Amino acid sequence: MTQRRKLRLTTRFQEIHDLLSRSVEKDGSFIWKSSDRKRVTIPVMVVQISNDHSQIQVRQSSIHQGINPGDVVYLKLPFRDAALKTRVVERMGAKISLEFPVQLALEEGRKNPRYYFHPSEEKSAQVRTLVNRAKVLPERLHSVIVCDISKGGMAIFISTSARQFFDVKDKVRLASLGIHRFDAVVRGEVLFKMPFDIKGTLANRSGYKIGIQFDHELDDSTLERFLAKRNLFSITEEQIVRDEQFRRQVVSTMADVRKDLSSKKAFKDLFASFDRARAENHYLKQHVHLLCQVLAGLGTRLGWISERSVDKLIYVAYLHDIRFANLPHLARIQNKREFEKVKSRLSEAEQKAFLEAPMYAAEIARLDLESYPDAIKILEQQKELPDGTGYPHGMGASFLAPLSALFIVAHHFVDYVIDHPDWTARDFVRTYQHKLKGQYFQKALKALIE
């Protein structure tokens, strides 16, 4: 997390030129007109700077009306603290020529400090879009990723599927920030909407960045609590673990299993390394946390495990990525197909670690005298797929055990939740029902939405 400082202007030609040069052919720039009462941003890409340094040429991602020669506009560069004021010289279709600026703001001036979050922090919130008669869309609660926030507003990341619910000037209501829900209504208005990618992990996400201005400033205590807590992306729908008392039992069992694994002398150093990796890697932390909940809830609903045997699946959840104790970034690669796409960016040691991970975890369980018989088989088959394209053995659906099918479905579901801020179980099932075929897989998918 970082905090925005005060405005600083520069008129130095070389400083302005260097920042503009760094922006050429990079995503993330946008322009807006100075005459707009409410800022309407237009995504652009800086294409080139003229040889005589008199003009900048930008290209719109799609043609927007309302930008004409002579207009005074502002250009925000794809760096957090760089914006400039200029004038439109010429427009030809999607290409716009702008005057080379004489002044550039290296940091935006704001009444309140603005805090930014790295994608790995996954700061979450819930935003309700209100009834919009023009679009005839119902109210809907969206789980979103917070990109930045101040007392006066915030920027959020939404998936492409949610874009129809957010348009400039739409009214919204902030339902929660992380784990903090509001007693009083916090309303706001959408200021801008632009295509946006979350990058920096092996699994990039494309969607939209939405700017929201609050009607009233957030109080200091609310903002401080949100900034202080690194909250997990939580499951908010009750179709996974419906019974509150059972949820508490699952959490208690998770603590017991973790403590037991960490205390085993033969694996003490290995589990200590993995615990450190989970503490430092936000994906691993939330991934294991959610996987335990989903396995327990879905397994008992199917009747494939009893409440007394939940610890078996929690044991598997904690153990399945143990090979990545010192290589936590590899856990983000979801399957062999994705591995082939990123293989050239991995070292030989990383490639070897990824491919041997299922058998490695199974061997750890086999060496554990207090392990569960079913756990070894689940860990061996955790990366298999019903169509035979998984690994390490390429086993099809008919060769996979019921609890292995349950684990594979739960693992895909948890990653879907993490990658889709506005997830629903039905959307997941619609996406995966043709990919996860087979009797046990289909039963698990059906149980998700019953």
Protein backbone atom coordinates (compact mmCIF):
# COMPACT_ATOMS: atom_id res chain seq x y z
CA MET A 1 0.00 0.00 0.00
CA THR A 2 1.25 3.47 -0.85
CA GLN A 3 -0.01 6.96 -0.06
CA ARG A 4 -0.42 9.82 -2.56
CA ARG A 5 1.55 12.94 -1.65
CA LYS A 6 0.94 16.56 -2.65
CA LEU A 7 1.04 18.06 -6.15
CA ARG A 8 4.41 18.90 -7.68
CA LEU A 9 4.67 20.67 -11.04
CA THR A 10 7.60 20.64 -13.43
CA THR A 11 8.32 22.84 -16.45
CA ARG A 12 11.63 21.13 -17.28
CA PHE A 13 11.52 20.00 -20.90
CA GLN A 14 13.77 16.98 -20.37
CA GLU A 15 11.71 15.69 -17.44
CA ILE A 16 8.46 16.08 -19.40
CA HIS A 17 9.97 14.49 -22.51
CA ASP A 18 11.36 11.52 -20.57
CA LEU A 19 8.00 10.71 -18.97
CA LEU A 20 6.18 11.00 -22.29
CA SER A 21 8.78 8.77 -23.95
CA ARG A 22 8.30 6.14 -21.26
CA SER A 23 4.56 6.23 -21.97
CA VAL A 24 4.82 5.42 -25.68
CA GLU A 25 2.99 2.16 -26.58
CA LYS A 26 2.05 1.47 -22.95
CA ASP A 27 -1.50 0.77 -21.77
CA GLY A 28 -3.09 2.82 -19.00
CA SER A 29 -3.20 6.42 -20.33
CA PHE A 30 -6.47 8.35 -20.64
CA ILE A 31 -7.68 11.87 -21.42
CA TRP A 32 -10.60 13.98 -20.23
CA LYS A 33 -11.94 17.41 -21.19
CA SER A 34 -11.51 20.34 -18.87
CA SER A 35 -15.06 21.54 -19.60
CA ASP A 36 -16.74 18.38 -18.32
CA ARG A 37 -18.64 18.92 -15.06
CA LYS A 38 -18.06 15.26 -14.30
CA ARG A 39 -14.89 13.68 -15.58
CA VAL A 40 -15.48 11.27 -18.48
CA THR A 41 -12.26 9.45 -19.19
CA ILE A 42 -11.27 8.15 -22.62
CA PRO A 43 -8.63 5.40 -22.68
CA VAL A 44 -5.78 6.19 -25.10
CA MET A 45 -2.27 5.06 -25.92
CA VAL A 46 0.59 7.49 -26.56
CA VAL A 47 1.79 6.55 -30.05
CA GLN A 48 4.64 8.95 -30.71
CA ILE A 49 6.22 12.36 -30.09
CA SER A 50 6.85 14.48 -33.18
CA ASN A 51 10.47 15.01 -34.26
CA ASP A 52 10.28 18.72 -33.52
CA HIS A 53 8.75 18.01 -30.09
CA SER A 54 5.75 20.20 -30.82
CA GLN A 55 3.05 17.52 -30.69
CA ILE A 56 2.07 14.23 -29.06
CA GLN A 57 -0.01 11.72 -30.99
CA VAL A 58 -2.37 9.43 -29.07
CA ARG A 59 -4.73 6.71 -30.26
CA GLN A 60 -8.12 5.96 -28.72
CA SER A 61 -8.95 2.33 -27.97
CA SER A 62 -12.36 3.05 -29.52
CA ILE A 63 -13.66 6.24 -31.13
CA HIS A 64 -15.35 8.60 -28.67
CA GLN A 65 -17.21 11.71 -29.76
CA GLY A 66 -16.77 15.07 -28.08
CA ILE A 67 -13.01 15.62 -28.50
CA ASN A 68 -12.42 18.30 -31.13
CA PRO A 69 -9.56 20.53 -32.35
CA GLY A 70 -9.08 23.45 -29.99
CA ASP A 71 -10.40 21.61 -26.92
CA VAL A 72 -8.39 21.88 -23.74
CA VAL A 73 -7.87 18.38 -22.36
CA TYR A 74 -5.92 16.61 -19.64
CA LEU A 75 -3.74 13.60 -20.36
CA LYS A 76 -3.05 11.10 -17.56
CA LEU A 77 0.03 9.01 -18.28
CA PRO A 78 0.31 5.32 -17.28
CA PHE A 79 2.38 6.20 -14.24
CA ARG A 80 0.73 6.89 -10.93
CA ASP A 81 1.95 10.46 -10.55
CA ALA A 82 2.00 11.99 -14.02
CA ALA A 83 -0.69 14.16 -15.66
CA LEU A 84 -0.59 17.16 -17.99
CA LYS A 85 -2.76 19.85 -19.51
CA THR A 86 -2.73 20.32 -23.29
CA ARG A 87 -4.82 21.27 -26.33
CA VAL A 88 -6.18 19.20 -29.24
CA VAL A 89 -4.44 20.15 -32.49
CA GLU A 90 -6.03 17.66 -34.88
CA ARG A 91 -8.25 14.60 -34.83
CA MET A 92 -8.40 11.94 -37.52
CA GLY A 93 -10.62 9.01 -36.56
CA ALA A 94 -9.13 7.32 -33.53
CA LYS A 95 -5.90 9.37 -33.72
CA ILE A 96 -5.61 12.66 -31.83
CA SER A 97 -2.71 15.13 -32.04
CA LEU A 98 -2.03 17.15 -28.89
CA GLU A 99 0.22 20.13 -28.20
CA PHE A 100 3.46 19.26 -26.42
CA PRO A 101 2.90 20.45 -22.82
CA VAL A 102 4.87 23.18 -21.11
CA GLN A 103 4.02 21.87 -17.66
CA LEU A 104 3.44 18.44 -16.13
CA ALA A 105 2.05 17.45 -12.73
CA LEU A 106 4.16 14.70 -11.23
CA GLU A 107 1.68 14.14 -8.42
CA GLU A 108 -2.00 14.99 -8.32
CA GLY A 109 -3.13 17.43 -5.69
CA ARG A 110 -5.85 15.98 -3.47
CA LYS A 111 -7.73 17.15 -0.42
CA ASN A 112 -7.24 13.74 1.20
CA PRO A 113 -4.39 11.22 0.97
CA ARG A 114 -5.06 8.42 -1.50
CA TYR A 115 -3.84 4.90 -0.79
CA TYR A 116 -2.92 2.41 -3.50
CA PHE A 117 -2.75 -1.37 -3.24
CA HIS A 118 -0.57 -3.86 -5.05
CA PRO A 119 -2.68 -6.49 -6.93
CA SER A 120 -1.39 -9.19 -4.60
CA GLU A 121 -3.04 -7.45 -1.62
CA GLU A 122 -6.51 -8.21 -3.03
CA LYS A 123 -8.25 -5.56 -0.91
CA SER A 124 -11.94 -6.34 -1.26
CA ALA A 125 -15.21 -4.45 -0.92
CA GLN A 126 -18.87 -4.85 -1.77
CA VAL A 127 -20.63 -2.27 -3.93
CA ARG A 128 -24.35 -2.29 -4.72
CA THR A 129 -25.42 -0.87 -8.08
CA LEU A 130 -28.83 0.78 -7.76
CA VAL A 131 -31.83 0.53 -10.07
CA ASN A 132 -31.15 2.31 -13.34
CA ARG A 133 -34.36 2.82 -15.30
CA ALA A 134 -32.53 3.79 -18.48
CA LYS A 135 -30.69 0.44 -18.56
CA VAL A 136 -33.57 -1.48 -16.95
CA LEU A 137 -31.11 -3.33 -14.71
CA PRO A 138 -31.99 -4.50 -11.20
CA GLU A 139 -30.05 -3.70 -8.06
CA ARG A 140 -27.09 -6.02 -7.61
CA LEU A 141 -24.40 -6.52 -4.99
CA HIS A 142 -20.89 -6.84 -6.47
CA SER A 143 -17.80 -8.17 -4.73
CA VAL A 144 -14.94 -6.04 -6.11
CA ILE A 145 -11.21 -5.47 -5.78
CA VAL A 146 -10.16 -2.07 -4.40
CA CYS A 147 -7.38 -0.46 -6.48
CA ASP A 148 -7.09 2.72 -4.41
CA ILE A 149 -9.09 4.65 -1.83
CA SER A 150 -9.30 7.97 -0.02
CA LYS A 151 -11.86 9.45 2.35
CA GLY A 152 -13.60 11.01 -0.63
CA GLY A 153 -13.67 8.17 -3.15
CA MET A 154 -12.22 4.94 -4.46
CA ALA A 155 -11.27 3.09 -7.63
CA ILE A 156 -12.37 -0.52 -7.98
CA PHE A 157 -11.67 -3.37 -10.39
CA ILE A 158 -14.62 -5.31 -11.83
CA SER A 159 -14.72 -8.23 -14.23
CA THR A 160 -15.83 -7.77 -17.83
CA SER A 161 -19.13 -9.52 -17.08
CA ALA A 162 -20.11 -6.75 -14.62
CA ARG A 163 -19.37 -3.80 -16.93
CA GLN A 164 -23.03 -3.28 -17.91
CA PHE A 165 -23.91 -2.41 -14.30
CA PHE A 166 -21.46 0.51 -14.04
CA ASP A 167 -21.67 3.65 -16.18
CA VAL A 168 -20.64 7.25 -15.61
CA LYS A 169 -23.10 9.14 -13.36
CA ASP A 170 -24.69 5.92 -12.07
CA LYS A 171 -25.48 5.95 -8.36
CA VAL A 172 -24.00 3.21 -6.18
CA ARG A 173 -23.93 2.27 -2.52
CA LEU A 174 -20.87 1.03 -0.63
CA ALA A 175 -21.97 -1.99 1.42
CA SER A 176 -18.67 -3.03 2.98
CA LEU A 177 -14.93 -2.46 3.03
CA GLY A 178 -13.15 -5.72 3.72
CA ILE A 179 -14.79 -7.20 6.80
CA HIS A 180 -16.31 -3.86 7.88
CA ARG A 181 -19.99 -3.36 7.08
CA PHE A 182 -21.61 0.05 7.38
CA ASP A 183 -24.42 0.95 9.77
CA ALA A 184 -25.12 4.17 7.86
CA VAL A 185 -25.62 4.27 4.10
CA VAL A 186 -22.50 5.27 2.11
CA ARG A 187 -23.56 6.42 -1.33
CA GLY A 188 -21.51 7.50 -4.31
CA GLU A 189 -21.48 8.24 -8.02
CA VAL A 190 -19.45 6.68 -10.83
CA LEU A 191 -16.96 9.24 -12.19
CA PHE A 192 -15.14 7.14 -14.78
CA LYS A 193 -15.03 3.70 -16.35
CA MET A 194 -12.11 2.39 -18.35
CA PRO A 195 -10.64 -0.96 -19.52
CA PHE A 196 -8.07 -2.15 -17.03
CA ASP A 197 -5.78 -5.15 -16.50
CA ILE A 198 -4.45 -6.47 -13.22
CA LYS A 199 -0.96 -7.68 -14.04
CA GLY A 200 2.07 -8.98 -12.23
CA THR A 201 1.04 -12.58 -11.59
CA LEU A 202 1.07 -15.64 -13.80
CA ALA A 203 -2.70 -15.31 -14.12
CA ASN A 204 -3.44 -11.80 -15.41
CA ARG A 205 -6.99 -10.50 -15.26
CA SER A 206 -8.75 -8.17 -17.68
CA GLY A 207 -11.73 -6.07 -16.71
CA TYR A 208 -12.65 -2.47 -15.95
CA LYS A 209 -11.50 0.16 -13.50
CA ILE A 210 -14.36 2.17 -12.00
CA GLY A 211 -13.91 5.49 -10.21
CA ILE A 212 -16.43 6.32 -7.48
CA GLN A 213 -16.86 9.62 -5.62
CA PHE A 214 -18.57 9.36 -2.23
CA ASP A 215 -21.42 11.75 -1.38
CA HIS A 216 -19.86 12.15 2.08
CA GLU A 217 -16.34 11.45 3.28
CA LEU A 218 -15.55 8.22 5.09
CA ASP A 219 -14.80 8.64 8.76
CA ASP A 220 -11.19 8.19 9.87
CA SER A 221 -11.80 5.03 11.91
CA THR A 222 -13.42 3.17 8.99
CA LEU A 223 -10.58 3.97 6.64
CA GLU A 224 -7.93 3.13 9.24
CA ARG A 225 -9.47 -0.28 9.92
CA PHE A 226 -9.59 -1.07 6.21
CA LEU A 227 -5.97 -0.02 5.69
CA ALA A 228 -4.76 -1.93 8.73
CA LYS A 229 -6.37 -5.28 7.98
CA ARG A 230 -5.22 -7.55 5.17
CA ASN A 231 -8.62 -9.20 4.74
CA LEU A 232 -9.22 -12.48 2.98
CA PHE A 233 -11.49 -12.64 -0.02
CA SER A 234 -14.44 -14.19 1.78
CA ILE A 235 -17.25 -16.36 0.52
CA THR A 236 -20.38 -14.30 1.03
CA GLU A 237 -22.98 -16.75 -0.32
CA GLU A 238 -24.19 -19.37 2.13
CA GLN A 239 -24.54 -22.19 -0.38
CA ILE A 240 -21.12 -23.59 0.56
CA VAL A 241 -21.26 -23.97 4.35
CA ARG A 242 -24.76 -23.05 5.43
CA ASP A 243 -24.65 -23.94 9.10
CA GLU A 244 -22.89 -21.33 11.24
CA GLN A 245 -21.99 -23.85 13.95
CA PHE A 246 -20.45 -26.15 11.34
CA ARG A 247 -18.45 -23.23 9.91
CA ARG A 248 -16.97 -22.64 13.36
CA GLN A 249 -16.15 -26.34 13.58
CA VAL A 250 -14.35 -26.17 10.21
CA VAL A 251 -12.26 -23.19 11.34
CA SER A 252 -11.38 -24.97 14.59
CA THR A 253 -10.39 -28.13 12.70
CA MET A 254 -8.23 -26.08 10.34
CA ALA A 255 -6.29 -24.72 13.32
CA ASP A 256 -5.87 -28.23 14.78
CA VAL A 257 -4.65 -29.76 11.50
CA ARG A 258 -2.22 -26.92 10.89
CA LYS A 259 -0.82 -27.21 14.41
CA ASP A 260 -0.47 -30.98 14.08
CA LEU A 261 1.35 -30.76 10.74
CA SER A 262 3.73 -28.11 12.04
CA SER A 263 4.64 -30.21 15.07
CA LYS A 264 5.74 -33.34 13.17
CA LYS A 265 9.49 -33.66 13.67
CA ALA A 266 10.19 -35.27 10.28
CA PHE A 267 8.54 -32.41 8.38
CA LYS A 268 8.96 -29.53 10.85
CA ASP A 269 11.32 -27.46 8.67
CA LEU A 270 9.27 -28.09 5.51
CA PHE A 271 6.01 -26.99 7.11
CA ALA A 272 7.71 -24.00 8.71
CA SER A 273 8.84 -22.90 5.23
CA PHE A 274 5.34 -23.43 3.85
CA ASP A 275 3.78 -21.45 6.71
CA ARG A 276 6.15 -18.56 5.96
CA ALA A 277 5.23 -18.76 2.26
CA ARG A 278 1.52 -18.64 3.09
CA ALA A 279 2.03 -15.69 5.40
CA GLU A 280 3.91 -13.74 2.73
CA ASN A 281 1.96 -14.86 -0.36
CA HIS A 282 -1.62 -13.60 -0.27
CA TYR A 283 -2.84 -16.03 -2.93
CA LEU A 284 -1.60 -19.08 -0.99
CA LYS A 285 -3.16 -17.77 2.20
CA GLN A 286 -6.64 -17.16 0.84
CA HIS A 287 -6.46 -20.18 -1.49
CA VAL A 288 -5.88 -22.68 1.33
CA HIS A 289 -8.36 -20.91 3.62
CA LEU A 290 -11.18 -21.06 1.06
CA LEU A 291 -10.29 -24.56 -0.14
CA CYS A 292 -10.75 -25.95 3.38
CA GLN A 293 -14.19 -24.35 3.65
CA VAL A 294 -15.37 -25.46 0.22
CA LEU A 295 -14.13 -29.04 0.64
CA ALA A 296 -15.82 -29.35 4.03
CA GLY A 297 -19.11 -27.79 2.97
CA LEU A 298 -19.38 -29.51 -0.39
CA GLY A 299 -18.17 -32.89 0.87
CA THR A 300 -20.74 -33.04 3.69
CA ARG A 301 -23.54 -31.82 1.43
CA LEU A 302 -22.78 -34.65 -0.99
CA GLY A 303 -22.62 -37.12 1.87
CA TRP A 304 -19.16 -38.29 0.79
CA ILE A 305 -17.69 -37.37 4.17
CA SER A 306 -19.18 -36.94 7.61
CA GLU A 307 -18.71 -33.98 9.92
CA ARG A 308 -16.27 -36.15 11.90
CA SER A 309 -14.07 -36.83 8.85
CA VAL A 310 -13.75 -33.21 7.70
CA ASP A 311 -10.17 -33.20 8.97
CA LYS A 312 -9.16 -35.60 6.17
CA LEU A 313 -10.00 -33.06 3.46
CA ILE A 314 -8.50 -30.18 5.44
CA TYR A 315 -5.31 -32.23 5.76
CA VAL A 316 -5.24 -32.59 1.95
CA ALA A 317 -5.91 -28.87 1.44
CA TYR A 318 -2.93 -27.90 3.61
CA LEU A 319 -0.66 -30.48 2.02
CA HIS A 320 -1.47 -30.27 -1.70
CA ASP A 321 0.85 -27.33 -2.53
CA ILE A 322 3.63 -28.28 -0.10
CA ARG A 323 6.15 -28.61 -2.97
CA PHE A 324 5.87 -24.86 -3.45
CA ALA A 325 7.04 -23.99 0.07
CA ASN A 326 10.02 -22.12 -1.41
CA LEU A 327 8.43 -21.41 -4.80
CA PRO A 328 4.97 -20.01 -3.89
CA HIS A 329 4.45 -18.31 -7.27
CA LEU A 330 4.15 -21.73 -8.93
CA ALA A 331 0.92 -22.42 -7.02
CA ARG A 332 -0.80 -19.83 -9.24
CA ILE A 333 -0.37 -22.03 -12.35
CA GLN A 334 -3.68 -23.84 -12.49
CA ASN A 335 -3.06 -26.70 -14.94
CA LYS A 336 -0.64 -28.22 -17.40
CA ARG A 337 -2.04 -26.21 -20.29
CA GLU A 338 -1.28 -22.97 -18.47
CA PHE A 339 2.12 -24.37 -17.47
CA GLU A 340 3.03 -24.84 -21.14
CA LYS A 341 2.22 -21.18 -21.81
CA VAL A 342 4.59 -19.91 -19.08
CA LYS A 343 7.16 -22.71 -19.26
CA SER A 344 9.71 -20.60 -21.15
CA ARG A 345 9.70 -18.07 -18.29
CA LEU A 346 10.48 -20.71 -15.66
CA SER A 347 13.84 -22.17 -14.72
CA GLU A 348 14.48 -25.91 -15.03
CA ALA A 349 14.17 -26.24 -11.25
CA GLU A 350 10.80 -24.45 -11.30
CA GLN A 351 9.53 -26.62 -14.14
CA LYS A 352 10.61 -29.77 -12.30
CA ALA A 353 8.97 -28.59 -9.07
CA PHE A 354 5.66 -27.88 -10.78
CA LEU A 355 5.47 -31.23 -12.57
CA GLU A 356 6.42 -33.30 -9.53
CA ALA A 357 4.19 -31.42 -7.06
CA PRO A 358 1.30 -33.98 -6.87
CA MET A 359 3.55 -37.00 -6.32
CA TYR A 360 5.73 -35.02 -3.89
CA ALA A 361 2.70 -34.14 -1.73
CA ALA A 362 1.49 -37.75 -1.89
CA GLU A 363 4.89 -38.99 -0.77
CA ILE A 364 4.86 -36.63 2.22
CA ALA A 365 1.47 -38.06 3.20
CA ARG A 366 2.77 -41.61 2.68
CA LEU A 367 5.70 -40.95 5.03
CA ASP A 368 3.34 -39.50 7.64
CA LEU A 369 2.37 -42.44 9.86
CA GLU A 370 -0.72 -40.53 11.03
CA SER A 371 -1.93 -39.75 7.51
CA TYR A 372 -5.28 -40.81 6.06
CA PRO A 373 -5.43 -43.62 3.44
CA ASP A 374 -7.66 -41.59 1.11
CA ALA A 375 -5.37 -38.54 1.35
CA ILE A 376 -2.54 -40.17 -0.61
CA LYS A 377 -4.80 -40.98 -3.55
CA ILE A 378 -6.39 -37.49 -3.58
CA LEU A 379 -2.96 -35.83 -3.55
CA GLU A 380 -1.70 -38.03 -6.40
CA GLN A 381 -4.78 -37.23 -8.50
CA GLN A 382 -5.19 -33.54 -7.56
CA LYS A 383 -3.99 -32.25 -10.97
CA GLU A 384 -5.76 -34.84 -13.12
CA LEU A 385 -8.70 -33.84 -15.31
CA PRO A 386 -11.69 -35.89 -16.46
CA ASP A 387 -10.76 -35.52 -20.16
CA GLY A 388 -7.30 -37.04 -19.52
CA THR A 389 -5.33 -33.83 -20.12
CA GLY A 390 -4.18 -33.52 -16.51
CA TYR A 391 -0.99 -34.86 -14.94
CA PRO A 392 1.03 -36.75 -13.77
CA HIS A 393 -0.74 -39.81 -15.24
CA GLY A 394 -3.30 -38.34 -17.66
CA MET A 395 -6.11 -40.30 -15.97
CA GLY A 396 -9.67 -39.89 -17.26
CA ALA A 397 -12.86 -39.47 -15.22
CA SER A 398 -13.53 -43.21 -14.91
CA PHE A 399 -10.19 -43.75 -13.12
CA LEU A 400 -10.57 -40.92 -10.58
CA ALA A 401 -11.86 -41.51 -7.06
CA PRO A 402 -14.96 -39.62 -5.87
CA LEU A 403 -13.01 -37.57 -3.32
CA SER A 404 -10.42 -36.74 -6.00
CA ALA A 405 -13.23 -35.42 -8.20
CA LEU A 406 -14.50 -33.41 -5.24
CA PHE A 407 -11.04 -31.92 -4.66
CA ILE A 408 -10.57 -31.03 -8.35
CA VAL A 409 -13.98 -29.29 -8.52
CA ALA A 410 -13.36 -27.44 -5.23
CA HIS A 411 -9.88 -26.35 -6.36
CA HIS A 412 -11.22 -24.95 -9.65
CA PHE A 413 -14.06 -23.23 -7.79
CA VAL A 414 -11.76 -21.53 -5.28
CA ASP A 415 -9.52 -20.17 -8.04
CA TYR A 416 -12.64 -18.98 -9.88
CA VAL A 417 -13.76 -17.11 -6.74
CA ILE A 418 -10.33 -15.49 -6.40
CA ASP A 419 -10.16 -14.49 -10.08
CA HIS A 420 -13.76 -13.21 -10.39
CA PRO A 421 -14.64 -10.46 -7.89
CA ASP A 422 -18.37 -10.75 -8.72
CA TRP A 423 -18.48 -14.56 -8.72
CA THR A 424 -21.55 -16.69 -8.26
CA ALA A 425 -21.71 -20.47 -7.96
CA ARG A 426 -24.09 -20.62 -10.94
CA ASP A 427 -21.65 -18.71 -13.15
CA PHE A 428 -18.92 -21.14 -12.16
CA VAL A 429 -21.07 -24.18 -12.93
CA ARG A 430 -22.10 -22.73 -16.31
CA THR A 431 -18.42 -22.20 -17.13
CA TYR A 432 -17.15 -25.61 -16.01
CA GLN A 433 -20.03 -28.05 -16.54
CA HIS A 434 -18.73 -28.92 -20.03
CA LYS A 435 -15.10 -29.11 -18.87
CA LEU A 436 -15.55 -31.28 -15.78
CA LYS A 437 -17.54 -34.18 -17.14
CA GLY A 438 -18.04 -37.50 -15.42
CA GLN A 439 -20.47 -38.85 -12.83
CA TYR A 440 -18.69 -37.63 -9.70
CA PHE A 441 -17.72 -34.27 -11.20
CA GLN A 442 -21.28 -33.54 -12.27
CA LYS A 443 -22.63 -34.49 -8.83
CA ALA A 444 -20.20 -32.07 -7.19
CA LEU A 445 -21.11 -29.27 -9.59
CA LYS A 446 -24.82 -29.86 -9.03
CA ALA A 447 -24.35 -29.77 -5.26
CA LEU A 448 -22.78 -26.31 -5.55
CA ILE A 449 -26.05 -24.74 -6.68
CA GLU A 450 -28.62 -26.83 -4.83
